[in-house]
Amino acid sequence: MIVTVKLFATLRREAGTGELELDLPAGATVADAVAALRAGALPWLPGRETFAVAVDRESAKDDAVLAPGSELALVPPVSGG
């Protein structure tokens, strides 16, 4: 199944793009997707504790199951004042 991965802020800058497509087996979870990204297009991806994850614009945990066409967003912490 194909999911769209959206990258924001420093992750986007490091990747050189804001969006990737990822081919995963049916029943894959957020953790599976992150592992696939590290094994492929984003080997430099920091530890999971350093960014938030959303699936289809809703906050998600690592065990959330992805569906074909899901949008997986990786968002590093934002600071400002």
PDB file of N, CA and C in Angstrom:
ATOM      1  N   MET A   1       0.848  -1.176   0.000  1.00  0.00           N
ATOM      2  CA  MET A   1       0.000   0.000   0.000  1.00  0.00           C
ATOM      3  C   MET A   1       0.893   1.238   0.000  1.00  0.00           C
ATOM      4  N   ILE A   2       0.405   2.286  -0.606  1.00  0.00           N
ATOM      5  CA  ILE A   2       1.157   3.532  -0.684  1.00  0.00           C
ATOM      6  C   ILE A   2       0.599   4.516   0.335  1.00  0.00           C
ATOM      7  N   VAL A   3       1.492   5.118   1.132  1.00  0.00           N
ATOM      8  CA  VAL A   3       1.127   6.212   2.036  1.00  0.00           C
ATOM      9  C   VAL A   3       1.975   7.424   1.672  1.00  0.00           C
ATOM     10  N   THR A   4       1.447   8.584   1.927  1.00  0.00           N
ATOM     11  CA  THR A   4       2.172   9.829   1.692  1.00  0.00           C
ATOM     12  C   THR A   4       2.790  10.277   2.999  1.00  0.00           C
ATOM     13  N   VAL A   5       4.069  10.595   2.975  1.00  0.00           N
ATOM     14  CA  VAL A   5       4.776  11.083   4.159  1.00  0.00           C
ATOM     15  C   VAL A   5       5.023  12.576   3.962  1.00  0.00           C
ATOM     16  N   LYS A   6       4.527  13.379   4.888  1.00  0.00           N
ATOM     17  CA  LYS A   6       4.747  14.827   4.865  1.00  0.00           C
ATOM     18  C   LYS A   6       5.800  15.163   5.919  1.00  0.00           C
ATOM     19  N   LEU A   7       6.780  15.957   5.525  1.00  0.00           N
ATOM     20  CA  LEU A   7       7.864  16.362   6.424  1.00  0.00           C
ATOM     21  C   LEU A   7       7.778  17.856   6.664  1.00  0.00           C
ATOM     22  N   PHE A   8       8.054  18.274   7.888  1.00  0.00           N
ATOM     23  CA  PHE A   8       7.943  19.684   8.240  1.00  0.00           C
ATOM     24  C   PHE A   8       9.227  20.194   8.891  1.00  0.00           C
ATOM     25  N   ALA A   9       9.426  21.498   8.786  1.00  0.00           N
ATOM     26  CA  ALA A   9      10.518  22.229   9.439  1.00  0.00           C
ATOM     27  C   ALA A   9      11.885  21.607   9.136  1.00  0.00           C
ATOM     28  N   THR A  10      12.654  21.286  10.171  1.00  0.00           N
ATOM     29  CA  THR A  10      14.019  20.785   9.960  1.00  0.00           C
ATOM     30  C   THR A  10      14.035  19.456   9.214  1.00  0.00           C
ATOM     31  N   LEU A  11      13.036  18.625   9.393  1.00  0.00           N
ATOM     32  CA  LEU A  11      12.983  17.359   8.666  1.00  0.00           C
ATOM     33  C   LEU A  11      12.843  17.612   7.169  1.00  0.00           C
ATOM     34  N   ARG A  12      12.013  18.573   6.812  1.00  0.00           N
ATOM     35  CA  ARG A  12      11.838  18.945   5.409  1.00  0.00           C
ATOM     36  C   ARG A  12      13.143  19.483   4.831  1.00  0.00           C
ATOM     37  N   ARG A  13      13.793  20.330   5.600  1.00  0.00           N
ATOM     38  CA  ARG A  13      15.058  20.932   5.143  1.00  0.00           C
ATOM     39  C   ARG A  13      16.116  19.853   4.919  1.00  0.00           C
ATOM     40  N   GLU A  14      16.247  18.930   5.861  1.00  0.00           N
ATOM     41  CA  GLU A  14      17.243  17.862   5.749  1.00  0.00           C
ATOM     42  C   GLU A  14      16.954  16.933   4.570  1.00  0.00           C
ATOM     43  N   ALA A  15      15.683  16.650   4.329  1.00  0.00           N
ATOM     44  CA  ALA A  15      15.302  15.733   3.251  1.00  0.00           C
ATOM     45  C   ALA A  15      15.368  16.386   1.880  1.00  0.00           C
ATOM     46  N   GLY A  16      15.281  17.713   1.860  1.00  0.00           N
ATOM     47  CA  GLY A  16      15.266  18.418   0.585  1.00  0.00           C
ATOM     48  C   GLY A  16      13.925  18.339  -0.128  1.00  0.00           C
ATOM     49  N   THR A  17      12.907  17.876   0.593  1.00  0.00           N
ATOM     50  CA  THR A  17      11.557  17.789   0.050  1.00  0.00           C
ATOM     51  C   THR A  17      10.563  17.767   1.206  1.00  0.00           C
ATOM     52  N   GLY A  18       9.341  18.145   0.919  1.00  0.00           N
ATOM     53  CA  GLY A  18       8.317  18.133   1.954  1.00  0.00           C
ATOM     54  C   GLY A  18       7.408  16.931   1.899  1.00  0.00           C
ATOM     55  N   GLU A  19       7.584  16.101   0.861  1.00  0.00           N
ATOM     56  CA  GLU A  19       6.664  14.985   0.697  1.00  0.00           C
ATOM     57  C   GLU A  19       7.341  13.802   0.020  1.00  0.00           C
ATOM     58  N   LEU A  20       7.064  12.612   0.524  1.00  0.00           N
ATOM     59  CA  LEU A  20       7.565  11.359  -0.034  1.00  0.00           C
ATOM     60  C   LEU A  20       6.424  10.368  -0.121  1.00  0.00           C
ATOM     61  N   GLU A  21       6.527   9.408  -1.027  1.00  0.00           N
ATOM     62  CA  GLU A  21       5.608   8.284  -1.040  1.00  0.00           C
ATOM     63  C   GLU A  21       6.349   7.079  -0.490  1.00  0.00           C
ATOM     64  N   LEU A  22       5.639   6.284   0.287  1.00  0.00           N
ATOM     65  CA  LEU A  22       6.241   5.125   0.924  1.00  0.00           C
ATOM     66  C   LEU A  22       5.353   3.914   0.646  1.00  0.00           C
ATOM     67  N   ASP A  23       5.961   2.847   0.155  1.00  0.00           N
ATOM     68  CA  ASP A  23       5.236   1.606  -0.131  1.00  0.00           C
ATOM     69  C   ASP A  23       5.429   0.663   1.054  1.00  0.00           C
ATOM     70  N   LEU A  24       4.341   0.325   1.709  1.00  0.00           N
ATOM     71  CA  LEU A  24       4.370  -0.519   2.906  1.00  0.00           C
ATOM     72  C   LEU A  24       3.424  -1.707   2.744  1.00  0.00           C
ATOM     73  N   PRO A  25       3.671  -2.788   3.476  1.00  0.00           N
ATOM     74  CA  PRO A  25       2.731  -3.911   3.432  1.00  0.00           C
ATOM     75  C   PRO A  25       1.428  -3.554   4.154  1.00  0.00           C
ATOM     76  N   ALA A  26       0.359  -4.222   3.773  1.00  0.00           N
ATOM     77  CA  ALA A  26      -0.933  -4.016   4.440  1.00  0.00           C
ATOM     78  C   ALA A  26      -0.770  -4.270   5.938  1.00  0.00           C
ATOM     79  N   GLY A  27      -1.429  -3.453   6.739  1.00  0.00           N
ATOM     80  CA  GLY A  27      -1.375  -3.607   8.188  1.00  0.00           C
ATOM     81  C   GLY A  27      -0.183  -2.942   8.838  1.00  0.00           C
ATOM     82  N   ALA A  28       0.624  -2.215   8.066  1.00  0.00           N
ATOM     83  CA  ALA A  28       1.803  -1.542   8.620  1.00  0.00           C
ATOM     84  C   ALA A  28       1.386  -0.461   9.611  1.00  0.00           C
ATOM     85  N   THR A  29       2.230  -0.253  10.599  1.00  0.00           N
ATOM     86  CA  THR A  29       1.980   0.752  11.631  1.00  0.00           C
ATOM     87  C   THR A  29       2.874   1.973  11.415  1.00  0.00           C
ATOM     88  N   VAL A  30       2.645   2.985  12.228  1.00  0.00           N
ATOM     89  CA  VAL A  30       3.516   4.165  12.214  1.00  0.00           C
ATOM     90  C   VAL A  30       4.962   3.747  12.464  1.00  0.00           C
ATOM     91  N   ALA A  31       5.187   2.877  13.440  1.00  0.00           N
ATOM     92  CA  ALA A  31       6.550   2.415  13.738  1.00  0.00           C
ATOM     93  C   ALA A  31       7.168   1.722  12.525  1.00  0.00           C
ATOM     94  N   ASP A  32       6.381   0.930  11.797  1.00  0.00           N
ATOM     95  CA  ASP A  32       6.875   0.270  10.587  1.00  0.00           C
ATOM     96  C   ASP A  32       7.275   1.302   9.534  1.00  0.00           C
ATOM     97  N   ALA A  33       6.459   2.336   9.392  1.00  0.00           N
ATOM     98  CA  ALA A  33       6.746   3.385   8.408  1.00  0.00           C
ATOM     99  C   ALA A  33       8.030   4.121   8.756  1.00  0.00           C
ATOM    100  N   VAL A  34       8.202   4.466  10.019  1.00  0.00           N
ATOM    101  CA  VAL A  34       9.414   5.168  10.453  1.00  0.00           C
ATOM    102  C   VAL A  34      10.635   4.282  10.210  1.00  0.00           C
ATOM    103  N   ALA A  35      10.526   3.001  10.509  1.00  0.00           N
ATOM    104  CA  ALA A  35      11.639   2.072  10.267  1.00  0.00           C
ATOM    105  C   ALA A  35      11.959   1.987   8.773  1.00  0.00           C
ATOM    106  N   ALA A  36      10.933   1.953   7.931  1.00  0.00           N
ATOM    107  CA  ALA A  36      11.147   1.902   6.482  1.00  0.00           C
ATOM    108  C   ALA A  36      11.810   3.177   5.978  1.00  0.00           C
ATOM    109  N   LEU A  37      11.422   4.318   6.536  1.00  0.00           N
ATOM    110  CA  LEU A  37      12.062   5.579   6.152  1.00  0.00           C
ATOM    111  C   LEU A  37      13.542   5.569   6.521  1.00  0.00           C
ATOM    112  N   ARG A  38      13.848   5.090   7.714  1.00  0.00           N
ATOM    113  CA  ARG A  38      15.253   5.016   8.151  1.00  0.00           C
ATOM    114  C   ARG A  38      16.062   4.041   7.294  1.00  0.00           C
ATOM    115  N   ALA A  39      15.426   2.971   6.858  1.00  0.00           N
ATOM    116  CA  ALA A  39      16.118   1.959   6.052  1.00  0.00           C
ATOM    117  C   ALA A  39      16.266   2.395   4.594  1.00  0.00           C
ATOM    118  N   GLY A  40      15.544   3.436   4.202  1.00  0.00           N
ATOM    119  CA  GLY A  40      15.554   3.849   2.799  1.00  0.00           C
ATOM    120  C   GLY A  40      15.912   5.311   2.612  1.00  0.00           C
ATOM    121  N   ALA A  41      14.895   6.115   2.362  1.00  0.00           N
ATOM    122  CA  ALA A  41      15.075   7.508   1.947  1.00  0.00           C
ATOM    123  C   ALA A  41      15.646   8.423   3.019  1.00  0.00           C
ATOM    124  N   LEU A  42      15.424   8.109   4.305  1.00  0.00           N
ATOM    125  CA  LEU A  42      15.833   9.019   5.377  1.00  0.00           C
ATOM    126  C   LEU A  42      16.671   8.311   6.442  1.00  0.00           C
ATOM    127  N   PRO A  43      17.850   7.801   6.087  1.00  0.00           N
ATOM    128  CA  PRO A  43      18.660   7.068   7.074  1.00  0.00           C
ATOM    129  C   PRO A  43      19.106   7.935   8.252  1.00  0.00           C
ATOM    130  N   TRP A  44      19.075   9.227   8.090  1.00  0.00           N
ATOM    131  CA  TRP A  44      19.502  10.168   9.130  1.00  0.00           C
ATOM    132  C   TRP A  44      18.356  10.549  10.084  1.00  0.00           C
ATOM    133  N   LEU A  45      17.158  10.021   9.853  1.00  0.00           N
ATOM    134  CA  LEU A  45      15.994  10.404  10.657  1.00  0.00           C
ATOM    135  C   LEU A  45      16.291  10.228  12.142  1.00  0.00           C
ATOM    136  N   PRO A  46      16.055  11.276  12.953  1.00  0.00           N
ATOM    137  CA  PRO A  46      16.372  11.191  14.384  1.00  0.00           C
ATOM    138  C   PRO A  46      15.445  10.226  15.116  1.00  0.00           C
ATOM    139  N   GLY A  47      15.753   9.988  16.377  1.00  0.00           N
ATOM    140  CA  GLY A  47      14.945   9.100  17.203  1.00  0.00           C
ATOM    141  C   GLY A  47      13.496   9.526  17.260  1.00  0.00           C
ATOM    142  N   ARG A  48      12.612   8.572  17.377  1.00  0.00           N
ATOM    143  CA  ARG A  48      11.173   8.816  17.352  1.00  0.00           C
ATOM    144  C   ARG A  48      10.716   9.808  18.426  1.00  0.00           C
ATOM    145  N   GLU A  49      11.439   9.888  19.527  1.00  0.00           N
ATOM    146  CA  GLU A  49      11.044  10.816  20.588  1.00  0.00           C
ATOM    147  C   GLU A  49      11.272  12.278  20.204  1.00  0.00           C
ATOM    148  N   THR A  50      11.920  12.530  19.077  1.00  0.00           N
ATOM    149  CA  THR A  50      12.244  13.903  18.683  1.00  0.00           C
ATOM    150  C   THR A  50      11.250  14.519  17.710  1.00  0.00           C
ATOM    151  N   PHE A  51      10.196  13.792  17.353  1.00  0.00           N
ATOM    152  CA  PHE A  51       9.191  14.391  16.476  1.00  0.00           C
ATOM    153  C   PHE A  51       7.808  13.799  16.762  1.00  0.00           C
ATOM    154  N   ALA A  52       6.789  14.613  16.511  1.00  0.00           N
ATOM    155  CA  ALA A  52       5.401  14.168  16.665  1.00  0.00           C
ATOM    156  C   ALA A  52       4.944  13.543  15.357  1.00  0.00           C
ATOM    157  N   VAL A  53       3.936  12.695  15.455  1.00  0.00           N
ATOM    158  CA  VAL A  53       3.402  12.010  14.287  1.00  0.00           C
ATOM    159  C   VAL A  53       1.892  12.234  14.225  1.00  0.00           C
ATOM    160  N   ALA A  54       1.410  12.473  13.019  1.00  0.00           N
ATOM    161  CA  ALA A  54      -0.027  12.552  12.787  1.00  0.00           C
ATOM    162  C   ALA A  54      -0.362  11.649  11.602  1.00  0.00           C
ATOM    163  N   VAL A  55      -1.497  10.991  11.684  1.00  0.00           N
ATOM    164  CA  VAL A  55      -2.004  10.190  10.575  1.00  0.00           C
ATOM    165  C   VAL A  55      -3.333  10.803  10.165  1.00  0.00           C
ATOM    166  N   ASP A  56      -3.401  11.199   8.921  1.00  0.00           N
ATOM    167  CA  ASP A  56      -4.604  11.845   8.395  1.00  0.00           C
ATOM    168  C   ASP A  56      -5.035  13.018   9.281  1.00  0.00           C
ATOM    169  N   ARG A  57      -4.023  13.799   9.676  1.00  0.00           N
ATOM    170  CA  ARG A  57      -4.188  15.045  10.447  1.00  0.00           C
ATOM    171  C   ARG A  57      -4.672  14.860  11.875  1.00  0.00           C
ATOM    172  N   GLU A  58      -4.499  13.640  12.406  1.00  0.00           N
ATOM    173  CA  GLU A  58      -4.828  13.360  13.806  1.00  0.00           C
ATOM    174  C   GLU A  58      -3.591  12.797  14.485  1.00  0.00           C
ATOM    175  N   SER A  59      -3.293  13.272  15.679  1.00  0.00           N
ATOM    176  CA  SER A  59      -2.146  12.774  16.432  1.00  0.00           C
ATOM    177  C   SER A  59      -2.218  11.251  16.525  1.00  0.00           C
ATOM    178  N   ALA A  60      -1.061  10.601  16.361  1.00  0.00           N
ATOM    179  CA  ALA A  60      -1.047   9.138  16.347  1.00  0.00           C
ATOM    180  C   ALA A  60       0.147   8.605  17.128  1.00  0.00           C
ATOM    181  N   LYS A  61      -0.025   7.411  17.662  1.00  0.00           N
ATOM    182  CA  LYS A  61       1.048   6.718  18.365  1.00  0.00           C
ATOM    183  C   LYS A  61       1.712   5.735  17.410  1.00  0.00           C
ATOM    184  N   ASP A  62       2.830   5.178  17.833  1.00  0.00           N
ATOM    185  CA  ASP A  62       3.602   4.270  16.986  1.00  0.00           C
ATOM    186  C   ASP A  62       2.842   3.014  16.574  1.00  0.00           C
ATOM    187  N   ASP A  63       1.852   2.598  17.362  1.00  0.00           N
ATOM    188  CA  ASP A  63       1.124   1.377  17.032  1.00  0.00           C
ATOM    189  C   ASP A  63      -0.106   1.623  16.158  1.00  0.00           C
ATOM    190  N   ALA A  64      -0.321   2.881  15.732  1.00  0.00           N
ATOM    191  CA  ALA A  64      -1.455   3.184  14.862  1.00  0.00           C
ATOM    192  C   ALA A  64      -1.265   2.486  13.514  1.00  0.00           C
ATOM    193  N   VAL A  65      -2.305   1.815  13.052  1.00  0.00           N
ATOM    194  CA  VAL A  65      -2.258   1.092  11.774  1.00  0.00           C
ATOM    195  C   VAL A  65      -2.589   2.055  10.641  1.00  0.00           C
ATOM    196  N   LEU A  66      -1.769   2.004   9.606  1.00  0.00           N
ATOM    197  CA  LEU A  66      -1.959   2.861   8.438  1.00  0.00           C
ATOM    198  C   LEU A  66      -2.847   2.163   7.417  1.00  0.00           C
ATOM    199  N   ALA A  67      -3.548   2.962   6.613  1.00  0.00           N
ATOM    200  CA  ALA A  67      -4.400   2.442   5.552  1.00  0.00           C
ATOM    201  C   ALA A  67      -3.860   2.926   4.213  1.00  0.00           C
ATOM    202  N   PRO A  68      -4.197   2.247   3.125  1.00  0.00           N
ATOM    203  CA  PRO A  68      -3.769   2.738   1.818  1.00  0.00           C
ATOM    204  C   PRO A  68      -4.221   4.190   1.620  1.00  0.00           C
ATOM    205  N   GLY A  69      -3.304   5.023   1.162  1.00  0.00           N
ATOM    206  CA  GLY A  69      -3.623   6.432   0.930  1.00  0.00           C
ATOM    207  C   GLY A  69      -3.509   7.314   2.163  1.00  0.00           C
ATOM    208  N   SER A  70      -3.141   6.753   3.302  1.00  0.00           N
ATOM    209  CA  SER A  70      -2.986   7.565   4.519  1.00  0.00           C
ATOM    210  C   SER A  70      -1.915   8.633   4.316  1.00  0.00           C
ATOM    211  N   GLU A  71      -2.073   9.720   5.050  1.00  0.00           N
ATOM    212  CA  GLU A  71      -1.066  10.776   5.092  1.00  0.00           C
ATOM    213  C   GLU A  71      -0.394  10.708   6.457  1.00  0.00           C
ATOM    214  N   LEU A  72       0.891  10.455   6.454  1.00  0.00           N
ATOM    215  CA  LEU A  72       1.699  10.374   7.680  1.00  0.00           C
ATOM    216  C   LEU A  72       2.538  11.646   7.765  1.00  0.00           C
ATOM    217  N   ALA A  73       2.328  12.447   8.793  1.00  0.00           N
ATOM    218  CA  ALA A  73       3.067  13.694   8.961  1.00  0.00           C
ATOM    219  C   ALA A  73       4.068  13.551  10.090  1.00  0.00           C
ATOM    220  N   LEU A  74       5.305  13.969   9.837  1.00  0.00           N
ATOM    221  CA  LEU A  74       6.363  13.963  10.853  1.00  0.00           C
ATOM    222  C   LEU A  74       6.690  15.418  11.169  1.00  0.00           C
ATOM    223  N   VAL A  75       6.499  15.804  12.433  1.00  0.00           N
ATOM    224  CA  VAL A  75       6.630  17.200  12.822  1.00  0.00           C
ATOM    225  C   VAL A  75       7.598  17.327  14.004  1.00  0.00           C
ATOM    226  N   PRO A  76       8.753  17.962  13.779  1.00  0.00           N
ATOM    227  CA  PRO A  76       9.664  18.170  14.906  1.00  0.00           C
ATOM    228  C   PRO A  76       9.105  19.241  15.843  1.00  0.00           C
ATOM    229  N   PRO A  77       9.616  19.295  17.068  1.00  0.00           N
ATOM    230  CA  PRO A  77       9.130  20.316  17.999  1.00  0.00           C
ATOM    231  C   PRO A  77       9.399  21.719  17.458  1.00  0.00           C
ATOM    232  N   VAL A  78       8.495  22.590  17.764  1.00  0.00           N
ATOM    233  CA  VAL A  78       8.625  23.978  17.319  1.00  0.00           C
ATOM    234  C   VAL A  78       8.792  24.851  18.546  1.00  0.00           C
ATOM    235  N   SER A  79       9.709  25.787  18.474  1.00  0.00           N
ATOM    236  CA  SER A  79       9.871  26.715  19.586  1.00  0.00           C
ATOM    237  C   SER A  79       9.813  28.128  19.048  1.00  0.00           C
ATOM    238  N   GLY A  80       9.576  29.018  19.901  1.00  0.00           N
ATOM    239  CA  GLY A  80       9.487  30.413  19.473  1.00  0.00           C
ATOM    240  C   GLY A  80       9.049  31.265  20.645  1.00  0.00           C
ATOM    241  N   GLY A  81       8.868  32.496  20.354  1.00  0.00           N
ATOM    242  CA  GLY A  81       8.459  33.349  21.450  1.00  0.00           C
ATOM    243  C   GLY A  81       7.758  34.563  20.975  1.00  0.00           C
TER     244      GLY A  81
END
